[in-house]
Amino acid sequence: MIRSLWILLGWALILLVLYLSLFTSYIPKQTLSNVDKLHHFIAYGTLMFWFSQSFKGQSRLWIAGALVAMGIAIEFAQPFTGRQFSYLDMLANTGGVLLGLLVATKGGDFLYQNLQKKDDH
């Protein structure tokens, strides 16, 4: 039960990223230039970290590849929705995926495991 809810929430996060990336206009409110790259990094790092909680081994690599591909595809789609194409966004997305994967691989995948243990009892 927990795994299904975990994955469902992960898909909701993916839909949120898609919506924010394609169907909203980006209006920077910060004075720092390129601060949106940090937003990309955090969003894709969160997605990878989230899905790494309930998948192990080779599955994580497939997920990482799919998230990187999603980030690239979104960048190519953005000009059709009034947004701007950016190689730096692709780089930030990929960096976030790699960090999420690294953190989960180095023991950061405890959230889902703890919830699953509680569900089993």
Protein backbone atom coordinates (compact mmCIF):
# COMPACT_ATOMS: atom_id res chain seq x y z
CA MET A 1 0.00 0.00 0.00
CA ILE A 2 2.74 2.46 0.97
CA ARG A 3 4.71 1.74 -2.23
CA SER A 4 1.69 2.46 -4.43
CA LEU A 5 1.02 5.75 -2.65
CA TRP A 6 4.72 6.66 -2.78
CA ILE A 7 4.89 6.08 -6.54
CA LEU A 8 1.56 7.86 -7.10
CA LEU A 9 2.85 10.91 -5.26
CA GLY A 10 6.03 10.73 -7.34
CA TRP A 11 3.95 10.84 -10.52
CA ALA A 12 2.09 13.83 -9.09
CA LEU A 13 5.46 15.54 -8.62
CA ILE A 14 6.35 14.79 -12.24
CA LEU A 15 3.04 16.29 -13.39
CA LEU A 16 3.75 19.37 -11.26
CA VAL A 17 7.18 19.80 -12.87
CA LEU A 18 5.62 19.38 -16.33
CA TYR A 19 2.94 21.93 -15.54
CA LEU A 20 5.37 24.46 -14.10
CA SER A 21 7.80 23.93 -16.99
CA LEU A 22 5.34 24.12 -19.85
CA PHE A 23 2.15 25.88 -18.80
CA THR A 24 3.23 28.72 -16.54
CA SER A 25 5.26 31.77 -17.39
CA TYR A 26 8.50 32.23 -15.54
CA ILE A 27 8.79 35.66 -13.99
CA PRO A 28 12.03 35.98 -12.04
CA LYS A 29 11.54 37.89 -8.81
CA GLN A 30 15.08 37.50 -7.58
CA THR A 31 17.88 39.87 -8.46
CA LEU A 32 20.34 37.00 -8.95
CA SER A 33 20.76 36.05 -12.58
CA ASN A 34 20.18 32.42 -13.49
CA VAL A 35 18.64 31.61 -10.09
CA ASP A 36 16.11 29.51 -12.00
CA LYS A 37 18.93 26.99 -12.58
CA LEU A 38 18.84 26.33 -8.84
CA HIS A 39 15.10 25.68 -9.13
CA HIS A 40 15.74 23.18 -11.94
CA PHE A 41 18.49 21.50 -9.92
CA ILE A 42 16.28 21.18 -6.84
CA ALA A 43 13.22 19.96 -8.77
CA TYR A 44 15.05 17.21 -10.64
CA GLY A 45 17.13 16.27 -7.61
CA THR A 46 13.91 15.88 -5.64
CA LEU A 47 12.33 13.73 -8.34
CA MET A 48 15.35 11.42 -8.51
CA PHE A 49 15.65 11.24 -4.74
CA TRP A 50 11.92 10.51 -4.42
CA PHE A 51 11.89 7.64 -6.91
CA SER A 52 15.19 6.27 -5.60
CA GLN A 53 13.46 5.62 -2.30
CA SER A 54 11.33 2.80 -3.68
CA PHE A 55 13.52 1.49 -6.51
CA LYS A 56 16.93 -0.13 -6.24
CA GLY A 57 19.86 -1.13 -8.46
CA GLN A 58 19.48 -0.93 -12.23
CA SER A 59 15.98 0.52 -11.88
CA ARG A 60 17.49 3.68 -10.44
CA LEU A 61 19.68 4.09 -13.51
CA TRP A 62 16.65 3.72 -15.78
CA ILE A 63 14.79 6.31 -13.74
CA ALA A 64 17.77 8.66 -13.89
CA GLY A 65 17.91 8.27 -17.67
CA ALA A 66 14.18 8.87 -17.98
CA LEU A 67 14.35 12.03 -15.85
CA VAL A 68 17.30 13.39 -17.84
CA ALA A 69 15.40 12.65 -21.06
CA MET A 70 12.30 14.36 -19.64
CA GLY A 71 14.33 17.46 -18.77
CA ILE A 72 15.77 17.60 -22.28
CA ALA A 73 12.38 17.02 -23.94
CA ILE A 74 10.78 19.76 -21.86
CA GLU A 75 13.43 22.22 -22.99
CA PHE A 76 12.70 21.41 -26.63
CA ALA A 77 8.95 21.76 -26.00
CA GLN A 78 9.14 25.06 -24.11
CA PRO A 79 9.44 27.36 -27.16
CA PHE A 80 6.04 26.04 -28.28
CA THR A 81 4.47 27.16 -25.00
CA GLY A 82 6.01 30.63 -24.83
CA ARG A 83 9.01 29.68 -22.71
CA GLN A 84 12.68 29.83 -23.61
CA PHE A 85 14.95 26.93 -24.63
CA SER A 86 18.07 26.63 -22.45
CA TYR A 87 21.04 24.28 -22.47
CA LEU A 88 21.89 25.49 -18.97
CA ASP A 89 18.48 24.31 -17.75
CA MET A 90 19.25 20.87 -19.19
CA LEU A 91 22.57 20.88 -17.35
CA ALA A 92 20.92 21.93 -14.09
CA ASN A 93 18.25 19.22 -14.50
CA THR A 94 20.90 16.57 -15.12
CA GLY A 95 22.99 17.77 -12.18
CA GLY A 96 19.98 17.50 -9.90
CA VAL A 97 19.25 13.96 -11.11
CA LEU A 98 22.85 12.94 -10.48
CA LEU A 99 22.89 14.44 -6.98
CA GLY A 100 19.55 12.78 -6.11
CA LEU A 101 20.92 9.45 -7.32
CA LEU A 102 24.17 9.91 -5.39
CA VAL A 103 22.43 10.83 -2.14
CA ALA A 104 20.06 7.86 -2.37
CA THR A 105 22.88 5.48 -3.27
CA LYS A 106 24.97 6.64 -0.29
CA GLY A 107 22.30 5.82 2.28
CA GLY A 108 19.79 8.60 1.76
CA ASP A 109 17.07 6.14 0.78
CA PHE A 110 15.87 5.66 4.35
CA LEU A 111 12.56 7.59 4.14
CA TYR A 112 10.59 5.04 2.19
CA GLN A 113 12.23 2.12 4.02
CA ASN A 114 11.16 3.51 7.40
CA LEU A 115 7.59 4.03 6.19
CA GLN A 116 7.47 0.54 4.75
CA LYS A 117 8.68 -0.98 8.03
CA LYS A 118 5.94 0.85 9.92
CA ASP A 119 3.35 -0.36 7.39
CA ASP A 120 4.50 -3.98 7.79
CA HIS A 121 3.93 -3.94 11.55
